[in-house]
PDB file of N, CA and C in Angstrom:
ATOM      1  N   MET A   1      13.294 -20.504   4.364  1.00  0.00           N
ATOM      2  CA  MET A   1      13.842 -20.687   3.082  1.00  0.00           C
ATOM      3  C   MET A   1      14.808 -21.748   1.945  1.00  0.00           C
ATOM      4  N   HIS A   2      14.145 -21.969   0.644  1.00  0.00           N
ATOM      5  CA  HIS A   2      14.466 -22.914   0.374  1.00  0.00           C
ATOM      6  C   HIS A   2      15.478 -22.737  -1.165  1.00  0.00           C
ATOM      7  N   PHE A   3      16.372 -23.564  -0.704  1.00  0.00           N
ATOM      8  CA  PHE A   3      17.593 -23.154  -2.098  1.00  0.00           C
ATOM      9  C   PHE A   3      18.206 -24.656  -2.449  1.00  0.00           C
ATOM     10  N   PRO A   4      18.423 -24.770  -3.560  1.00  0.00           N
ATOM     11  CA  PRO A   4      19.276 -25.801  -4.114  1.00  0.00           C
ATOM     12  C   PRO A   4      20.458 -26.845  -3.410  1.00  0.00           C
ATOM     13  N   LEU A   5      20.484 -27.634  -3.034  1.00  0.00           N
ATOM     14  CA  LEU A   5      21.972 -27.905  -2.063  1.00  0.00           C
ATOM     15  C   LEU A   5      22.710 -28.076  -3.028  1.00  0.00           C
ATOM     16  N   ASN A   6      23.558 -28.149  -2.827  1.00  0.00           N
ATOM     17  CA  ASN A   6      25.354 -28.686  -3.321  1.00  0.00           C
ATOM     18  C   ASN A   6      25.606 -29.983  -2.676  1.00  0.00           C
ATOM     19  N   VAL A   7      26.623 -30.243  -2.968  1.00  0.00           N
ATOM     20  CA  VAL A   7      26.785 -32.017  -2.505  1.00  0.00           C
ATOM     21  C   VAL A   7      26.875 -31.740  -1.102  1.00  0.00           C
ATOM     22  N   ASP A   8      27.358 -31.149  -0.820  1.00  0.00           N
ATOM     23  CA  ASP A   8      28.061 -31.301   0.474  1.00  0.00           C
ATOM     24  C   ASP A   8      26.964 -30.826   1.930  1.00  0.00           C
ATOM     25  N   LEU A   9      25.825 -30.157   1.125  1.00  0.00           N
ATOM     26  CA  LEU A   9      24.732 -30.013   2.046  1.00  0.00           C
ATOM     27  C   LEU A   9      23.622 -30.992   2.196  1.00  0.00           C
ATOM     28  N   ARG A  10      24.039 -31.772   0.853  1.00  0.00           N
ATOM     29  CA  ARG A  10      22.860 -33.260   0.327  1.00  0.00           C
ATOM     30  C   ARG A  10      23.124 -33.937   1.839  1.00  0.00           C
ATOM     31  N   ALA A  11      24.533 -34.101   2.063  1.00  0.00           N
ATOM     32  CA  ALA A  11      24.797 -34.949   3.264  1.00  0.00           C
ATOM     33  C   ALA A  11      24.309 -35.033   4.227  1.00  0.00           C
ATOM     34  N   VAL A  12      23.967 -33.054   4.785  1.00  0.00           N
ATOM     35  CA  VAL A  12      22.892 -33.464   5.640  1.00  0.00           C
ATOM     36  C   VAL A  12      21.847 -33.928   5.878  1.00  0.00           C
ATOM     37  N   GLY A  13      21.180 -34.562   7.024  1.00  0.00           N
ATOM     38  CA  GLY A  13      20.103 -35.326   7.506  1.00  0.00           C
ATOM     39  C   GLY A  13      18.768 -34.105   7.054  1.00  0.00           C
ATOM     40  N   ASP A  14      17.682 -35.108   7.132  1.00  0.00           N
ATOM     41  CA  ASP A  14      16.415 -33.919   7.117  1.00  0.00           C
ATOM     42  C   ASP A  14      16.210 -32.983   8.319  1.00  0.00           C
ATOM     43  N   GLY A  15      16.007 -31.986   8.966  1.00  0.00           N
ATOM     44  CA  GLY A  15      15.678 -31.333   9.891  1.00  0.00           C
ATOM     45  C   GLY A  15      15.801 -30.073   9.578  1.00  0.00           C
ATOM     46  N   GLU A  16      15.381 -29.323  10.819  1.00  0.00           N
ATOM     47  CA  GLU A  16      15.925 -27.451  11.205  1.00  0.00           C
ATOM     48  C   GLU A  16      17.455 -27.437  11.339  1.00  0.00           C
ATOM     49  N   TYR A  17      17.830 -26.119  10.403  1.00  0.00           N
ATOM     50  CA  TYR A  17      19.309 -25.908  10.529  1.00  0.00           C
ATOM     51  C   TYR A  17      19.054 -24.692  11.074  1.00  0.00           C
ATOM     52  N   ARG A  18      20.404 -24.294  11.330  1.00  0.00           N
ATOM     53  CA  ARG A  18      20.763 -22.711  11.528  1.00  0.00           C
ATOM     54  C   ARG A  18      22.306 -22.555  10.634  1.00  0.00           C
ATOM     55  N   PHE A  19      22.197 -21.756  10.005  1.00  0.00           N
ATOM     56  CA  PHE A  19      23.160 -20.968   8.387  1.00  0.00           C
ATOM     57  C   PHE A  19      23.611 -20.048   8.528  1.00  0.00           C
ATOM     58  N   GLY A  20      24.721 -20.158   8.688  1.00  0.00           N
ATOM     59  CA  GLY A  20      25.958 -18.993   8.684  1.00  0.00           C
ATOM     60  C   GLY A  20      26.750 -18.851   7.472  1.00  0.00           C
ATOM     61  N   VAL A  21      27.183 -17.651   7.571  1.00  0.00           N
ATOM     62  CA  VAL A  21      28.411 -17.079   6.003  1.00  0.00           C
ATOM     63  C   VAL A  21      29.332 -15.953   6.560  1.00  0.00           C
ATOM     64  N   ARG A  22      30.604 -15.881   6.628  1.00  0.00           N
ATOM     65  CA  ARG A  22      31.399 -15.523   6.746  1.00  0.00           C
ATOM     66  C   ARG A  22      31.073 -13.957   5.752  1.00  0.00           C
ATOM     67  N   PRO A  23      31.201 -12.614   6.370  1.00  0.00           N
ATOM     68  CA  PRO A  23      30.766 -11.756   5.462  1.00  0.00           C
ATOM     69  C   PRO A  23      31.800 -11.527   4.451  1.00  0.00           C
ATOM     70  N   SER A  24      33.166 -12.190   4.457  1.00  0.00           N
ATOM     71  CA  SER A  24      33.764 -11.651   3.466  1.00  0.00           C
ATOM     72  C   SER A  24      33.264 -12.731   2.586  1.00  0.00           C
ATOM     73  N   HIS A  25      32.390 -13.591   2.432  1.00  0.00           N
ATOM     74  CA  HIS A  25      31.821 -14.556   1.431  1.00  0.00           C
ATOM     75  C   HIS A  25      31.181 -13.904   0.454  1.00  0.00           C
ATOM     76  N   LEU A  26      29.947 -12.803   1.287  1.00  0.00           N
ATOM     77  CA  LEU A  26      28.879 -12.522   0.574  1.00  0.00           C
ATOM     78  C   LEU A  26      29.649 -11.571  -0.464  1.00  0.00           C
ATOM     79  N   SER A  27      28.471 -11.457  -1.512  1.00  0.00           N
ATOM     80  CA  SER A  27      29.116 -10.253  -2.504  1.00  0.00           C
ATOM     81  C   SER A  27      28.461  -9.798  -3.277  1.00  0.00           C
ATOM     82  N   LEU A  28      28.306  -8.611  -3.411  1.00  0.00           N
ATOM     83  CA  LEU A  28      27.271  -7.727  -4.838  1.00  0.00           C
ATOM     84  C   LEU A  28      26.448  -8.116  -5.877  1.00  0.00           C
ATOM     85  N   VAL A  29      27.931  -9.160  -6.519  1.00  0.00           N
ATOM     86  CA  VAL A  29      27.867  -9.847  -7.783  1.00  0.00           C
ATOM     87  C   VAL A  29      28.037 -10.951  -8.022  1.00  0.00           C
ATOM     88  N   PRO A  30      26.918 -11.892  -8.504  1.00  0.00           N
ATOM     89  CA  PRO A  30      27.479 -13.325  -8.785  1.00  0.00           C
ATOM     90  C   PRO A  30      28.718 -13.810  -8.904  1.00  0.00           C
ATOM     91  N   SER A  31      28.911 -15.253  -8.508  1.00  0.00           N
ATOM     92  CA  SER A  31      30.817 -15.213  -9.291  1.00  0.00           C
ATOM     93  C   SER A  31      30.646 -16.969  -8.480  1.00  0.00           C
ATOM     94  N   ASN A  32      29.528 -17.513  -8.593  1.00  0.00           N
ATOM     95  CA  ASN A  32      30.067 -19.228  -8.755  1.00  0.00           C
ATOM     96  C   ASN A  32      28.661 -19.060  -8.819  1.00  0.00           C
ATOM     97  N   ASP A  33      27.994 -20.667  -9.480  1.00  0.00           N
ATOM     98  CA  ASP A  33      26.797 -21.565  -9.960  1.00  0.00           C
ATOM     99  C   ASP A  33      25.519 -21.862  -8.957  1.00  0.00           C
ATOM    100  N   ASP A  34      26.051 -21.842  -7.756  1.00  0.00           N
ATOM    101  CA  ASP A  34      25.628 -22.317  -6.715  1.00  0.00           C
ATOM    102  C   ASP A  34      24.888 -20.957  -5.781  1.00  0.00           C
ATOM    103  N   ASP A  35      25.561 -19.640  -6.324  1.00  0.00           N
ATOM    104  CA  ASP A  35      25.047 -18.501  -5.516  1.00  0.00           C
ATOM    105  C   ASP A  35      23.302 -18.426  -5.135  1.00  0.00           C
ATOM    106  N   LEU A  36      23.667 -17.965  -4.051  1.00  0.00           N
ATOM    107  CA  LEU A  36      22.017 -18.028  -3.469  1.00  0.00           C
ATOM    108  C   LEU A  36      21.363 -16.156  -3.861  1.00  0.00           C
ATOM    109  N   GLU A  37      20.986 -15.777  -4.837  1.00  0.00           N
ATOM    110  CA  GLU A  37      20.693 -14.361  -4.487  1.00  0.00           C
ATOM    111  C   GLU A  37      19.402 -13.922  -3.716  1.00  0.00           C
ATOM    112  N   LEU A  38      19.424 -12.865  -2.586  1.00  0.00           N
ATOM    113  CA  LEU A  38      18.781 -12.423  -1.836  1.00  0.00           C
ATOM    114  C   LEU A  38      18.332 -10.977  -2.254  1.00  0.00           C
ATOM    115  N   ALA A  39      17.166 -10.645  -2.441  1.00  0.00           N
ATOM    116  CA  ALA A  39      17.078  -8.913  -2.639  1.00  0.00           C
ATOM    117  C   ALA A  39      16.664  -8.304  -0.413  1.00  0.00           C
ATOM    118  N   VAL A  40      17.355  -7.253  -0.633  1.00  0.00           N
ATOM    119  CA  VAL A  40      17.856  -7.038   0.763  1.00  0.00           C
ATOM    120  C   VAL A  40      17.638  -5.576   0.995  1.00  0.00           C
ATOM    121  N   THR A  41      17.476  -4.757   1.804  1.00  0.00           N
ATOM    122  CA  THR A  41      17.183  -3.750   2.058  1.00  0.00           C
ATOM    123  C   THR A  41      18.827  -3.016   2.762  1.00  0.00           C
ATOM    124  N   VAL A  42      19.258  -2.104   3.029  1.00  0.00           N
ATOM    125  CA  VAL A  42      20.460  -1.118   3.519  1.00  0.00           C
ATOM    126  C   VAL A  42      19.929  -0.344   4.647  1.00  0.00           C
ATOM    127  N   GLU A  43      20.981  -1.397   6.003  1.00  0.00           N
ATOM    128  CA  GLU A  43      20.762  -0.865   6.410  1.00  0.00           C
ATOM    129  C   GLU A  43      21.776   0.427   7.205  1.00  0.00           C
ATOM    130  N   LEU A  44      23.179   0.459   6.655  1.00  0.00           N
ATOM    131  CA  LEU A  44      24.239   0.913   7.158  1.00  0.00           C
ATOM    132  C   LEU A  44      25.506   0.840   5.978  1.00  0.00           C
ATOM    133  N   ALA A  45      26.045   1.889   5.722  1.00  0.00           N
ATOM    134  CA  ALA A  45      27.450   1.409   5.145  1.00  0.00           C
ATOM    135  C   ALA A  45      28.105   1.894   6.452  1.00  0.00           C
ATOM    136  N   GLU A  46      28.855   0.706   6.563  1.00  0.00           N
ATOM    137  CA  GLU A  46      30.591   1.602   7.289  1.00  0.00           C
ATOM    138  C   GLU A  46      31.228   1.872   6.791  1.00  0.00           C
ATOM    139  N   ILE A  47      32.184   2.201   6.984  1.00  0.00           N
ATOM    140  CA  ILE A  47      33.135   2.716   5.989  1.00  0.00           C
ATOM    141  C   ILE A  47      34.284   2.468   6.977  1.00  0.00           C
ATOM    142  N   SER A  48      35.486   1.732   7.156  1.00  0.00           N
ATOM    143  CA  SER A  48      36.326   1.588   8.138  1.00  0.00           C
ATOM    144  C   SER A  48      37.807   1.447   7.320  1.00  0.00           C
ATOM    145  N   GLY A  49      38.921   2.221   7.327  1.00  0.00           N
ATOM    146  CA  GLY A  49      39.376   2.192   6.028  1.00  0.00           C
ATOM    147  C   GLY A  49      39.174   2.474   4.768  1.00  0.00           C
ATOM    148  N   SER A  50      40.146   1.791   4.321  1.00  0.00           N
ATOM    149  CA  SER A  50      39.516   1.084   2.728  1.00  0.00           C
ATOM    150  C   SER A  50      38.645  -0.410   2.229  1.00  0.00           C
ATOM    151  N   GLU A  51      38.393  -0.540   3.670  1.00  0.00           N
ATOM    152  CA  GLU A  51      37.203  -1.500   3.590  1.00  0.00           C
ATOM    153  C   GLU A  51      35.642  -0.929   4.253  1.00  0.00           C
ATOM    154  N   THR A  52      34.319  -1.803   3.446  1.00  0.00           N
ATOM    155  CA  THR A  52      33.150  -1.279   3.805  1.00  0.00           C
ATOM    156  C   THR A  52      32.508  -2.061   4.231  1.00  0.00           C
ATOM    157  N   PHE A  53      31.980  -2.580   5.665  1.00  0.00           N
ATOM    158  CA  PHE A  53      31.057  -3.366   5.956  1.00  0.00           C
ATOM    159  C   PHE A  53      29.246  -3.234   5.669  1.00  0.00           C
ATOM    160  N   LEU A  54      28.738  -3.197   4.816  1.00  0.00           N
ATOM    161  CA  LEU A  54      27.190  -3.469   4.398  1.00  0.00           C
ATOM    162  C   LEU A  54      26.603  -4.195   5.444  1.00  0.00           C
ATOM    163  N   HIS A  55      26.086  -3.321   6.334  1.00  0.00           N
ATOM    164  CA  HIS A  55      24.755  -4.039   7.111  1.00  0.00           C
ATOM    165  C   HIS A  55      23.671  -4.169   5.770  1.00  0.00           C
ATOM    166  N   VAL A  56      22.453  -5.320   6.032  1.00  0.00           N
ATOM    167  CA  VAL A  56      21.773  -5.276   5.300  1.00  0.00           C
ATOM    168  C   VAL A  56      20.550  -6.464   5.606  1.00  0.00           C
ATOM    169  N   ARG A  57      19.183  -6.168   5.328  1.00  0.00           N
ATOM    170  CA  ARG A  57      18.107  -6.977   5.593  1.00  0.00           C
ATOM    171  C   ARG A  57      17.401  -7.937   5.000  1.00  0.00           C
ATOM    172  N   ASN A  58      16.223  -8.114   4.893  1.00  0.00           N
ATOM    173  CA  ASN A  58      15.641  -9.088   4.867  1.00  0.00           C
ATOM    174  C   ASN A  58      14.453  -9.332   5.354  1.00  0.00           C
ATOM    175  N   GLU A  59      13.286 -10.021   4.902  1.00  0.00           N
ATOM    176  CA  GLU A  59      12.347  -9.995   6.442  1.00  0.00           C
ATOM    177  C   GLU A  59      12.474 -11.150   6.873  1.00  0.00           C
ATOM    178  N   LEU A  60      13.272 -11.886   6.574  1.00  0.00           N
ATOM    179  CA  LEU A  60      13.798 -12.977   7.764  1.00  0.00           C
ATOM    180  C   LEU A  60      14.882 -12.710   8.809  1.00  0.00           C
ATOM    181  N   PHE A  61      15.765 -11.984   8.219  1.00  0.00           N
ATOM    182  CA  PHE A  61      17.653 -11.619   8.274  1.00  0.00           C
ATOM    183  C   PHE A  61      17.863 -10.815   8.103  1.00  0.00           C
ATOM    184  N   SER A  62      18.860 -10.568   9.391  1.00  0.00           N
ATOM    185  CA  SER A  62      20.116  -9.564   9.031  1.00  0.00           C
ATOM    186  C   SER A  62      21.315 -10.139   8.501  1.00  0.00           C
ATOM    187  N   LEU A  63      21.997  -9.328   7.382  1.00  0.00           N
ATOM    188  CA  LEU A  63      23.177 -10.152   7.154  1.00  0.00           C
ATOM    189  C   LEU A  63      24.266  -8.771   7.002  1.00  0.00           C
ATOM    190  N   VAL A  64      25.767  -8.915   7.314  1.00  0.00           N
ATOM    191  CA  VAL A  64      27.100  -8.240   6.988  1.00  0.00           C
ATOM    192  C   VAL A  64      27.572  -8.775   6.048  1.00  0.00           C
ATOM    193  N   LEU A  65      27.918  -7.776   5.067  1.00  0.00           N
ATOM    194  CA  LEU A  65      28.798  -7.564   3.958  1.00  0.00           C
ATOM    195  C   LEU A  65      30.221  -7.083   4.356  1.00  0.00           C
ATOM    196  N   HIS A  66      31.479  -7.790   3.916  1.00  0.00           N
ATOM    197  CA  HIS A  66      32.952  -7.274   4.100  1.00  0.00           C
ATOM    198  C   HIS A  66      33.029  -7.065   2.903  1.00  0.00           C
ATOM    199  N   LEU A  67      32.959  -5.961   2.198  1.00  0.00           N
ATOM    200  CA  LEU A  67      33.611  -5.658   1.089  1.00  0.00           C
ATOM    201  C   LEU A  67      34.968  -4.839   1.144  1.00  0.00           C
ATOM    202  N   PRO A  68      35.987  -5.481  -0.053  1.00  0.00           N
ATOM    203  CA  PRO A  68      36.924  -4.554   0.139  1.00  0.00           C
ATOM    204  C   PRO A  68      36.312  -3.043  -1.161  1.00  0.00           C
ATOM    205  N   GLY A  69      37.337  -1.996  -0.600  1.00  0.00           N
ATOM    206  CA  GLY A  69      37.163  -0.336  -1.271  1.00  0.00           C
ATOM    207  C   GLY A  69      36.093   0.319  -0.254  1.00  0.00           C
ATOM    208  N   VAL A  70      35.857   1.343  -0.492  1.00  0.00           N
ATOM    209  CA  VAL A  70      35.109   2.248   0.002  1.00  0.00           C
ATOM    210  C   VAL A  70      33.620   2.335  -0.166  1.00  0.00           C
ATOM    211  N   HIS A  71      32.253   2.122  -0.391  1.00  0.00           N
ATOM    212  CA  HIS A  71      31.063   2.215  -0.928  1.00  0.00           C
ATOM    213  C   HIS A  71      29.901   3.050   0.001  1.00  0.00           C
ATOM    214  N   ALA A  72      29.594   3.989  -1.165  1.00  0.00           N
ATOM    215  CA  ALA A  72      28.294   4.445  -0.319  1.00  0.00           C
ATOM    216  C   ALA A  72      27.351   4.099  -1.032  1.00  0.00           C
ATOM    217  N   TYR A  73      26.496   3.928   0.448  1.00  0.00           N
ATOM    218  CA  TYR A  73      25.230   3.353   0.072  1.00  0.00           C
ATOM    219  C   TYR A  73      23.436   4.496   1.109  1.00  0.00           C
ATOM    220  N   ASP A  74      22.815   4.183  -0.175  1.00  0.00           N
ATOM    221  CA  ASP A  74      21.706   4.911   1.237  1.00  0.00           C
ATOM    222  C   ASP A  74      20.904   4.241   2.191  1.00  0.00           C
ATOM    223  N   VAL A  75      20.629   4.382   2.674  1.00  0.00           N
ATOM    224  CA  VAL A  75      19.610   3.597   4.288  1.00  0.00           C
ATOM    225  C   VAL A  75      18.475   3.643   3.413  1.00  0.00           C
ATOM    226  N   ASP A  76      17.989   2.155   3.329  1.00  0.00           N
ATOM    227  CA  ASP A  76      16.954   1.422   2.477  1.00  0.00           C
ATOM    228  C   ASP A  76      16.857   1.680   0.899  1.00  0.00           C
ATOM    229  N   ALA A  77      18.035   1.083   0.785  1.00  0.00           N
ATOM    230  CA  ALA A  77      18.374   1.124  -0.928  1.00  0.00           C
ATOM    231  C   ALA A  77      17.630  -0.639  -0.544  1.00  0.00           C
ATOM    232  N   SER A  78      17.366  -0.446  -1.750  1.00  0.00           N
ATOM    233  CA  SER A  78      17.139  -2.027  -2.506  1.00  0.00           C
ATOM    234  C   SER A  78      18.168  -2.239  -3.139  1.00  0.00           C
ATOM    235  N   ILE A  79      18.984  -3.797  -2.537  1.00  0.00           N
ATOM    236  CA  ILE A  79      19.777  -4.081  -3.804  1.00  0.00           C
ATOM    237  C   ILE A  79      19.585  -5.690  -3.468  1.00  0.00           C
ATOM    238  N   ARG A  80      20.788  -6.310  -3.799  1.00  0.00           N
ATOM    239  CA  ARG A  80      20.924  -7.396  -4.061  1.00  0.00           C
ATOM    240  C   ARG A  80      22.357  -7.826  -3.430  1.00  0.00           C
ATOM    241  N   VAL A  81      22.313  -8.856  -2.990  1.00  0.00           N
ATOM    242  CA  VAL A  81      23.436  -9.641  -2.137  1.00  0.00           C
ATOM    243  C   VAL A  81      23.250 -11.453  -2.851  1.00  0.00           C
ATOM    244  N   TYR A  82      24.344 -11.601  -3.237  1.00  0.00           N
ATOM    245  CA  TYR A  82      24.950 -13.272  -3.380  1.00  0.00           C
ATOM    246  C   TYR A  82      25.548 -14.226  -2.471  1.00  0.00           C
ATOM    247  N   ILE A  83      25.302 -14.731  -2.211  1.00  0.00           N
ATOM    248  CA  ILE A  83      25.349 -16.295  -1.115  1.00  0.00           C
ATOM    249  C   ILE A  83      25.990 -17.072  -1.640  1.00  0.00           C
ATOM    250  N   PRO A  84      27.241 -17.743  -1.425  1.00  0.00           N
ATOM    251  CA  PRO A  84      27.419 -18.858  -2.469  1.00  0.00           C
ATOM    252  C   PRO A  84      26.780 -20.183  -1.405  1.00  0.00           C
ATOM    253  N   THR A  85      26.283 -20.387  -1.523  1.00  0.00           N
ATOM    254  CA  THR A  85      25.985 -21.515  -0.696  1.00  0.00           C
ATOM    255  C   THR A  85      26.945 -22.611  -0.481  1.00  0.00           C
ATOM    256  N   HIS A  86      28.021 -23.323  -1.475  1.00  0.00           N
ATOM    257  CA  HIS A  86      29.506 -24.168  -0.811  1.00  0.00           C
ATOM    258  C   HIS A  86      30.227 -23.448   0.253  1.00  0.00           C
ATOM    259  N   LYS A  87      29.392 -22.133   0.514  1.00  0.00           N
ATOM    260  CA  LYS A  87      30.846 -21.029   1.970  1.00  0.00           C
ATOM    261  C   LYS A  87      29.327 -21.667   2.723  1.00  0.00           C
ATOM    262  N   LEU A  88      28.186 -22.041   3.090  1.00  0.00           N
ATOM    263  CA  LEU A  88      27.410 -21.858   4.400  1.00  0.00           C
ATOM    264  C   LEU A  88      28.528 -22.897   5.313  1.00  0.00           C
ATOM    265  N   PHE A  89      27.443 -22.497   6.555  1.00  0.00           N
ATOM    266  CA  PHE A  89      28.299 -23.542   7.667  1.00  0.00           C
ATOM    267  C   PHE A  89      26.706 -23.964   8.605  1.00  0.00           C
ATOM    268  N   VAL A  90      26.664 -24.821   8.228  1.00  0.00           N
ATOM    269  CA  VAL A  90      25.458 -25.078   8.891  1.00  0.00           C
ATOM    270  C   VAL A  90      25.590 -26.024  10.587  1.00  0.00           C
ATOM    271  N   PHE A  91      24.452 -25.017  11.353  1.00  0.00           N
ATOM    272  CA  PHE A  91      23.701 -25.338  13.038  1.00  0.00           C
ATOM    273  C   PHE A  91      22.913 -25.926  12.983  1.00  0.00           C
ATOM    274  N   ASP A  92      23.064 -27.274  14.358  1.00  0.00           N
ATOM    275  CA  ASP A  92      21.678 -27.632  15.045  1.00  0.00           C
ATOM    276  C   ASP A  92      20.847 -26.840  15.702  1.00  0.00           C
ATOM    277  N   GLN A  93      20.041 -27.155  16.019  1.00  0.00           N
ATOM    278  CA  GLN A  93      19.081 -25.898  17.210  1.00  0.00           C
ATOM    279  C   GLN A  93      19.633 -25.245  17.924  1.00  0.00           C
ATOM    280  N   GLN A  94      20.824 -26.233  18.689  1.00  0.00           N
ATOM    281  CA  GLN A  94      21.569 -26.007  19.881  1.00  0.00           C
ATOM    282  C   GLN A  94      22.920 -25.574  19.321  1.00  0.00           C
ATOM    283  N   GLY A  95      23.398 -25.030  18.371  1.00  0.00           N
ATOM    284  CA  GLY A  95      24.475 -24.430  17.447  1.00  0.00           C
ATOM    285  C   GLY A  95      25.510 -25.384  17.289  1.00  0.00           C
ATOM    286  N   GLY A  96      25.124 -26.680  17.181  1.00  0.00           N
ATOM    287  CA  GLY A  96      26.226 -27.366  17.588  1.00  0.00           C
ATOM    288  C   GLY A  96      26.137 -27.287  15.438  1.00  0.00           C
ATOM    289  N   LEU A  97      27.943 -27.252  14.975  1.00  0.00           N
ATOM    290  CA  LEU A  97      28.379 -27.322  13.867  1.00  0.00           C
ATOM    291  C   LEU A  97      27.745 -28.733  13.866  1.00  0.00           C
ATOM    292  N   ILE A  98      27.262 -28.541  12.343  1.00  0.00           N
ATOM    293  CA  ILE A  98      26.663 -29.861  11.748  1.00  0.00           C
ATOM    294  C   ILE A  98      27.785 -29.937  10.714  1.00  0.00           C
ATOM    295  N   GLN A  99      28.110 -28.873   9.870  1.00  0.00           N
ATOM    296  CA  GLN A  99      28.647 -28.843   8.522  1.00  0.00           C
ATOM    297  C   GLN A  99      29.416 -27.676   8.595  1.00  0.00           C
ATOM    298  N   ALA A 100      30.584 -27.286   7.997  1.00  0.00           N
ATOM    299  CA  ALA A 100      31.524 -26.228   7.680  1.00  0.00           C
ATOM    300  C   ALA A 100      32.058 -26.810   6.236  1.00  0.00           C
ATOM    301  N   PRO A 101      32.173 -25.508   5.448  1.00  0.00           N
ATOM    302  CA  PRO A 101      32.868 -25.561   4.034  1.00  0.00           C
ATOM    303  C   PRO A 101      33.535 -25.977   4.048  1.00  0.00           C
ATOM    304  N   GLY A 102      34.267 -26.504   3.027  1.00  0.00           N
ATOM    305  CA  GLY A 102      35.552 -27.789   3.014  1.00  0.00           C
ATOM    306  C   GLY A 102      35.562 -28.759   3.886  1.00  0.00           C
ATOM    307  N   LEU A 103      34.910 -28.763   4.838  1.00  0.00           N
ATOM    308  CA  LEU A 103      34.925 -30.268   5.868  1.00  0.00           C
ATOM    309  C   LEU A 103      33.691 -31.516   5.366  1.00  0.00           C
ATOM    310  N   ARG A 104      34.455 -32.549   5.387  1.00  0.00           N
ATOM    311  CA  ARG A 104      33.384 -33.570   5.409  1.00  0.00           C
ATOM    312  C   ARG A 104      32.734 -33.519   6.739  1.00  0.00           C
ATOM    313  N   MET A 105      31.960 -33.501   7.118  1.00  0.00           N
ATOM    314  CA  MET A 105      31.490 -34.061   8.471  1.00  0.00           C
ATOM    315  C   MET A 105      30.652 -35.135   8.339  1.00  0.00           C
ATOM    316  N   ALA A 106      30.480 -35.871   9.509  1.00  0.00           N
ATOM    317  CA  ALA A 106      29.751 -36.503   9.595  1.00  0.00           C
ATOM    318  C   ALA A 106      28.052 -36.399   9.918  1.00  0.00           C
ATOM    319  N   ARG A 107      27.729 -37.809   8.608  1.00  0.00           N
ATOM    320  CA  ARG A 107      26.067 -37.200   8.558  1.00  0.00           C
ATOM    321  C   ARG A 107      25.012 -36.995   9.647  1.00  0.00           C
ATOM    322  N   VAL A 108      24.110 -36.202   9.712  1.00  0.00           N
ATOM    323  CA  VAL A 108      23.230 -36.263  10.486  1.00  0.00           C
ATOM    324  C   VAL A 108      21.801 -37.303  10.509  1.00  0.00           C
ATOM    325  N   ALA A 109      21.558 -37.910  10.572  1.00  0.00           N
ATOM    326  CA  ALA A 109      20.037 -38.774  11.178  1.00  0.00           C
ATOM    327  C   ALA A 109      19.067 -38.173  11.580  1.00  0.00           C
TER     328      ALA A 109
END
């Protein structure tokens, strides 16, 4: 997957990485200029009190969104979700943390 790099992600050296994002940072509407838009398919809408955990997937990976409020979605519905790239965690292939949102980490060569 390719996407524009914000200033924090540009500090990470070339290489292959794994990315993570907190479920509460994912959204159904864009909120930042650096949001990455993904077309996904709904797997499950899990209602928990006044919150919804929305399980989605695309051809590369699965995600879980933590949404305030009660939301109903049909299984296999096509929707778009937005990932704020300034909220991404970056891990090396062994699972070591390389970059975290809001932290200035050492550059990886």
